[in-house]
Protein backbone atom coordinates (compact mmCIF):
# COMPACT_ATOMS: atom_id res chain seq x y z
CA MET A 1 -34.34 51.99 -28.94
CA ARG A 2 -34.54 53.58 -25.52
CA GLN A 3 -31.77 55.59 -23.98
CA THR A 4 -29.11 53.66 -22.17
CA THR A 5 -27.83 54.79 -18.83
CA ASN A 6 -24.39 54.43 -17.42
CA VAL A 7 -24.52 51.59 -14.91
CA ASN A 8 -21.51 49.90 -13.46
CA LYS A 9 -21.38 46.22 -14.43
CA ARG A 10 -20.18 45.30 -10.98
CA GLU A 11 -23.25 46.95 -9.40
CA LEU A 12 -25.44 45.06 -11.84
CA LEU A 13 -23.68 41.84 -10.89
CA TYR A 14 -24.35 42.53 -7.21
CA LYS A 15 -28.03 43.05 -8.09
CA LEU A 16 -28.30 39.73 -9.97
CA VAL A 17 -25.95 37.44 -8.06
CA ASP A 18 -25.58 36.58 -4.40
CA VAL A 19 -21.85 37.29 -4.18
CA PRO A 20 -20.06 35.28 -1.47
CA LYS A 21 -17.69 37.04 0.91
CA GLY A 22 -14.09 36.83 -0.23
CA ALA A 23 -15.05 35.69 -3.71
CA PRO A 24 -12.01 34.45 -5.67
CA LYS A 25 -10.83 36.19 -8.84
CA ASN A 26 -12.05 33.36 -11.06
CA PHE A 27 -15.58 33.91 -9.69
CA TRP A 28 -15.55 37.51 -10.92
CA GLY A 29 -14.13 36.55 -14.31
CA LYS A 30 -16.69 33.81 -14.85
CA GLU A 31 -19.63 35.96 -13.76
CA MET A 32 -18.49 38.93 -15.87
CA LYS A 33 -18.29 36.62 -18.89
CA PHE A 34 -21.89 35.48 -18.35
CA LEU A 35 -23.00 39.05 -17.66
CA ASN A 36 -21.43 40.26 -20.90
CA SER A 37 -23.22 37.52 -22.84
CA LEU A 38 -26.54 38.58 -21.24
CA LEU A 39 -25.83 42.23 -22.02
CA LYS A 40 -25.04 41.28 -25.61
CA ASP A 41 -28.49 39.69 -25.96
CA PHE A 42 -30.35 42.33 -23.89
CA PRO A 43 -28.34 45.57 -24.20
CA ASP A 44 -30.75 48.13 -22.69
CA MET A 45 -29.27 49.05 -19.32
CA GLU A 46 -32.47 50.80 -18.22
CA PHE A 47 -34.17 47.39 -18.46
CA TRP A 48 -31.61 45.92 -16.08
CA GLU A 49 -32.07 48.80 -13.64
CA LYS A 50 -35.86 48.38 -13.52
CA THR A 51 -35.96 44.58 -13.58
CA LYS A 52 -36.55 42.88 -10.28
CA VAL A 53 -35.09 39.40 -10.09
CA ASN A 54 -34.27 36.92 -7.39
CA LYS A 55 -30.57 36.74 -6.65
CA VAL A 56 -28.95 33.53 -7.84
CA GLU A 57 -25.70 31.73 -7.01
CA SER A 58 -24.36 32.21 -10.54
CA LEU A 59 -25.49 33.79 -13.80
CA ILE A 60 -25.07 30.42 -15.50
CA LEU A 61 -28.57 29.69 -14.20
CA TYR A 62 -29.87 32.28 -16.68
CA LYS A 63 -28.67 30.18 -19.60
CA GLY A 64 -31.27 27.92 -21.25
CA LYS A 65 -34.71 28.35 -19.69
CA GLY A 66 -33.56 31.38 -17.72
CA THR A 67 -32.76 33.16 -20.97
CA LYS A 68 -36.33 32.55 -22.14
CA ILE A 69 -37.67 34.14 -18.95
CA ILE A 70 -35.45 37.19 -19.34
CA ALA A 71 -36.32 37.42 -23.05
CA GLU A 72 -40.02 37.46 -22.16
CA GLN A 73 -39.48 40.22 -19.59
CA TYR A 74 -37.36 42.15 -22.10
CA LYS A 75 -40.08 41.97 -24.75
CA ARG A 76 -42.67 43.22 -22.25
CA TYR A 77 -40.34 46.05 -21.28
CA LEU A 78 -39.69 47.11 -24.88
CA PHE A 79 -43.32 47.01 -25.96
CA GLN A 80 -44.99 48.48 -22.88
CA PRO A 81 -46.86 51.60 -23.91
CA GLU A 82 -45.64 54.91 -22.66
CA PHE A 83 -48.78 56.30 -21.04
CA LYS A 84 -48.99 60.05 -20.90
CA ASN A 85 -51.45 62.23 -19.06
CA PHE A 86 -53.96 63.27 -21.63
CA GLU A 87 -57.50 64.56 -21.48
CA ILE A 88 -60.39 62.89 -23.24
CA ASN A 89 -63.00 65.29 -24.57
CA LEU A 90 -66.37 63.56 -24.73
CA GLY A 91 -68.23 66.52 -26.09
CA ASP A 92 -71.58 67.93 -25.02
CA LYS A 93 -74.14 65.96 -23.09
CA ALA A 94 -76.98 64.53 -25.18
CA GLY A 95 -80.41 63.55 -23.88
CA GLU A 96 -81.83 63.54 -20.40
CA ASP A 97 -80.51 61.75 -17.37
CA TYR A 98 -82.26 58.53 -16.36
CA ASN A 99 -83.93 59.03 -13.03
CA ASN A 100 -86.00 56.15 -11.71
CA ASN A 101 -87.52 57.30 -8.43
CA THR A 102 -90.47 54.90 -8.47
CA LYS A 103 -90.23 52.24 -5.81
CA PRO A 104 -92.01 48.96 -6.36
CA LYS A 105 -95.15 48.66 -4.27
CA THR A 106 -95.76 44.96 -4.84
CA ILE A 107 -93.58 41.89 -5.38
CA LYS A 108 -94.79 41.72 -9.01
CA GLN A 109 -93.59 45.27 -9.67
CA PHE A 110 -90.26 44.45 -7.95
CA LEU A 111 -89.68 41.43 -10.17
CA LYS A 112 -90.31 43.46 -13.33
């Protein structure tokens, strides 16, 4: 598993949800409950930092089909290869270079 970073849940909630001004306390409780259930299923916080999603009215929209979409993104994130800068050694050159300097003089030669 990848390293987890320390991200504030409230910051993550602001990233995922379009929070209304003067949101009531029950809004925060409800959204935190849904956020905790999402974090239980997809615990890697680095994934949540790197994921770009459209802001929604409520995290309840991620239940059902939304969970499938996040699960697909999470699988891609977990299994993406870690590319490193490495050098490929092809070895010594073998044979001569192909150099075709002859220009066709007739249409028949051009079509060949």
